Amino acid sequence: MFKRLSFIALSAILLATACKKEKEGDVFTRTLPLTPQQVVPTQNPMSSASGSVTATYDQRTRVLSYTLTWTGTDSVRAIHLHGPAEAGFNAPILQSVTIPSSGVAPFPVGFSGTWTNSVTIDNVVVKESDLLANRYYIDMHTKSRMAAGELRAQLNINP
């Protein structure tokens, strides 16, 4: 009888632990450089523009959130999420935010700013396996400089 109760108690503990771990999921957060040198082909390695991307991926909700912060640019016209591609290679646009030529909100006409967005990892268009293999990147296009993008950050979020 004692062995049977011990087995039941152990099974209940293991089941509760497994459910809790699955429910919590993993959250990855990384702050990554947003630089002109990562743009392919490199448009202007001497550009004074710079910035960072803070990317957070929650495996439980399957949402990738990202915040770009930049300075030293012309007016921002578009921000794109691309993939899948390794660093140094280009890929199709998966998510796009285009800004009217007037420079109205959400982006300022100035030289610095911040933008936050998110995307659901649906495993059809945006795949978790590619995200965790660091095969997505974000680029930023500005009004008058660098047609292929002025800044780029490879989303290396998997520690």
Protein backbone atom coordinates (compact mmCIF):
# COMPACT_ATOMS: atom_id res chain seq x y z
CA MET A 1 0.00 0.00 0.00
CA PHE A 2 2.86 2.41 0.86
CA LYS A 3 4.56 1.75 -2.50
CA ARG A 4 1.29 2.44 -4.30
CA LEU A 5 0.76 5.77 -2.47
CA SER A 6 4.39 6.77 -3.06
CA PHE A 7 4.00 6.05 -6.76
CA ILE A 8 0.79 8.09 -6.96
CA ALA A 9 2.37 10.99 -5.02
CA LEU A 10 5.49 10.94 -7.20
CA SER A 11 3.39 10.82 -10.38
CA ALA A 12 1.32 13.80 -9.21
CA ILE A 13 4.47 15.82 -8.43
CA LEU A 14 6.02 15.02 -11.82
CA LEU A 15 2.81 15.87 -13.65
CA ALA A 16 2.44 19.19 -11.80
CA THR A 17 6.08 20.09 -12.50
CA ALA A 18 5.75 19.25 -16.20
CA CYS A 19 2.56 21.29 -16.56
CA LYS A 20 4.06 24.27 -14.76
CA LYS A 21 7.19 24.27 -16.93
CA GLU A 22 5.16 24.05 -20.14
CA LYS A 23 2.81 26.82 -18.98
CA GLU A 24 5.62 29.25 -18.08
CA GLY A 25 7.60 28.90 -21.31
CA ASP A 26 10.82 30.73 -21.96
CA VAL A 27 11.27 34.44 -22.50
CA PHE A 28 14.33 35.68 -24.37
CA THR A 29 15.32 39.36 -24.28
CA ARG A 30 18.34 40.83 -26.01
CA THR A 31 19.52 44.34 -26.87
CA LEU A 32 21.25 44.31 -30.24
CA PRO A 33 23.18 46.90 -32.25
CA LEU A 34 21.37 48.66 -35.12
CA THR A 35 24.18 49.72 -37.48
CA PRO A 36 24.80 50.77 -41.09
CA GLN A 37 27.56 48.16 -41.40
CA GLN A 38 24.99 45.32 -41.22
CA VAL A 39 23.03 46.58 -44.26
CA VAL A 40 23.58 44.38 -47.36
CA PRO A 41 25.06 45.68 -49.55
CA THR A 42 26.70 48.17 -47.21
CA GLN A 43 25.38 51.58 -48.20
CA ASN A 44 27.58 53.93 -46.25
CA PRO A 45 29.88 52.42 -43.63
CA MET A 46 30.89 55.96 -42.64
CA SER A 47 27.30 56.88 -41.69
CA SER A 48 26.99 58.47 -38.28
CA ALA A 49 23.59 56.80 -37.74
CA SER A 50 23.34 54.22 -34.96
CA GLY A 51 20.86 52.63 -32.66
CA SER A 52 19.73 49.49 -30.93
CA VAL A 53 16.92 46.97 -30.98
CA THR A 54 15.61 45.43 -27.78
CA ALA A 55 13.86 42.22 -28.82
CA THR A 56 11.81 40.00 -26.52
CA TYR A 57 10.38 36.65 -27.53
CA ASP A 58 7.85 34.91 -25.27
CA GLN A 59 7.57 31.24 -26.26
CA ARG A 60 4.32 30.81 -24.33
CA THR A 61 2.46 33.54 -26.22
CA ARG A 62 4.59 33.19 -29.37
CA VAL A 63 4.95 36.97 -29.64
CA LEU A 64 8.14 38.74 -30.67
CA SER A 65 8.17 42.34 -29.44
CA TYR A 66 10.83 44.79 -30.48
CA THR A 67 11.77 48.37 -29.75
CA LEU A 68 14.10 50.32 -32.03
CA THR A 69 15.95 53.38 -30.77
CA TRP A 70 18.05 55.39 -33.22
CA THR A 71 19.96 58.62 -33.70
CA GLY A 72 21.84 60.37 -36.49
CA THR A 73 19.42 59.46 -39.29
CA ASP A 74 17.39 61.38 -41.80
CA SER A 75 13.59 61.10 -41.48
CA VAL A 76 12.53 57.46 -41.14
CA ARG A 77 10.32 56.21 -43.98
CA ALA A 78 10.00 52.47 -43.30
CA ILE A 79 10.91 49.75 -40.85
CA HIS A 80 10.88 46.13 -42.03
CA LEU A 81 11.17 42.71 -40.43
CA HIS A 82 12.91 40.36 -42.90
CA GLY A 83 13.68 36.67 -42.96
CA PRO A 84 14.83 34.06 -42.98
CA ALA A 85 18.46 35.00 -43.68
CA GLU A 86 21.78 34.65 -41.96
CA ALA A 87 23.76 37.79 -41.12
CA GLY A 88 25.28 39.21 -44.31
CA PHE A 89 22.40 38.06 -46.53
CA ASN A 90 19.06 39.57 -47.55
CA ALA A 91 15.56 38.08 -47.33
CA PRO A 92 11.98 39.05 -48.16
CA ILE A 93 10.01 41.53 -46.05
CA LEU A 94 7.69 39.78 -43.57
CA GLN A 95 6.34 42.83 -41.75
CA SER A 96 6.44 46.44 -42.94
CA VAL A 97 5.64 49.82 -41.44
CA THR A 98 5.70 52.52 -44.14
CA ILE A 99 5.70 56.21 -43.31
CA PRO A 100 4.05 58.87 -45.50
CA SER A 101 6.44 61.27 -47.23
CA SER A 102 5.18 64.10 -45.03
CA GLY A 103 6.98 62.57 -42.06
CA VAL A 104 3.89 62.54 -39.86
CA ALA A 105 3.47 60.28 -36.84
CA PRO A 106 4.41 57.68 -35.83
CA PHE A 107 7.94 58.74 -36.86
CA PRO A 108 9.43 62.17 -36.32
CA VAL A 109 11.01 64.21 -39.09
CA GLY A 110 14.08 64.59 -36.87
CA PHE A 111 17.27 62.62 -36.48
CA SER A 112 16.39 60.33 -33.57
CA GLY A 113 13.45 58.35 -32.31
CA THR A 114 11.95 55.18 -30.88
CA TRP A 115 9.49 52.68 -32.35
CA THR A 116 7.88 49.61 -30.76
CA ASN A 117 6.11 46.81 -32.63
CA SER A 118 5.38 43.10 -32.35
CA VAL A 119 4.69 40.09 -34.52
CA THR A 120 3.09 36.73 -33.79
CA ILE A 121 5.30 33.75 -34.51
CA ASP A 122 2.78 31.73 -36.51
CA ASN A 123 5.15 28.97 -37.75
CA VAL A 124 3.83 29.60 -41.26
CA VAL A 125 5.22 32.99 -42.32
CA VAL A 126 7.39 33.67 -39.27
CA LYS A 127 8.81 30.45 -37.84
CA GLU A 128 10.04 29.90 -34.31
CA SER A 129 12.85 27.61 -35.50
CA ASP A 130 14.20 30.41 -37.74
CA LEU A 131 13.82 33.00 -34.98
CA LEU A 132 15.74 30.86 -32.49
CA ALA A 133 18.39 30.21 -35.18
CA ASN A 134 18.85 34.01 -35.51
CA ARG A 135 17.60 34.15 -39.11
CA TYR A 136 15.50 37.33 -38.91
CA TYR A 137 16.59 40.95 -39.08
CA ILE A 138 15.12 44.43 -38.90
CA ASP A 139 16.13 47.26 -41.19
CA MET A 140 15.24 50.91 -41.25
CA HIS A 141 14.93 53.09 -44.35
CA THR A 142 15.25 56.87 -44.28
CA LYS A 143 14.03 59.71 -46.50
CA SER A 144 17.05 60.55 -48.60
CA ARG A 145 19.94 58.26 -47.74
CA MET A 146 20.71 54.65 -48.50
CA ALA A 147 17.99 53.10 -50.62
CA ALA A 148 18.68 49.57 -49.32
CA GLY A 149 18.26 50.76 -45.75
CA GLU A 150 20.30 52.89 -43.43
CA LEU A 151 20.40 50.67 -40.35
CA ARG A 152 20.06 46.93 -39.76
CA ALA A 153 20.05 44.60 -36.76
CA GLN A 154 20.24 40.81 -36.92
CA LEU A 155 17.85 39.39 -34.30
CA ASN A 156 20.25 37.18 -32.37
CA ILE A 157 17.85 36.57 -29.50
CA ASN A 158 18.67 32.97 -28.64
CA PRO A 159 21.36 32.93 -25.92
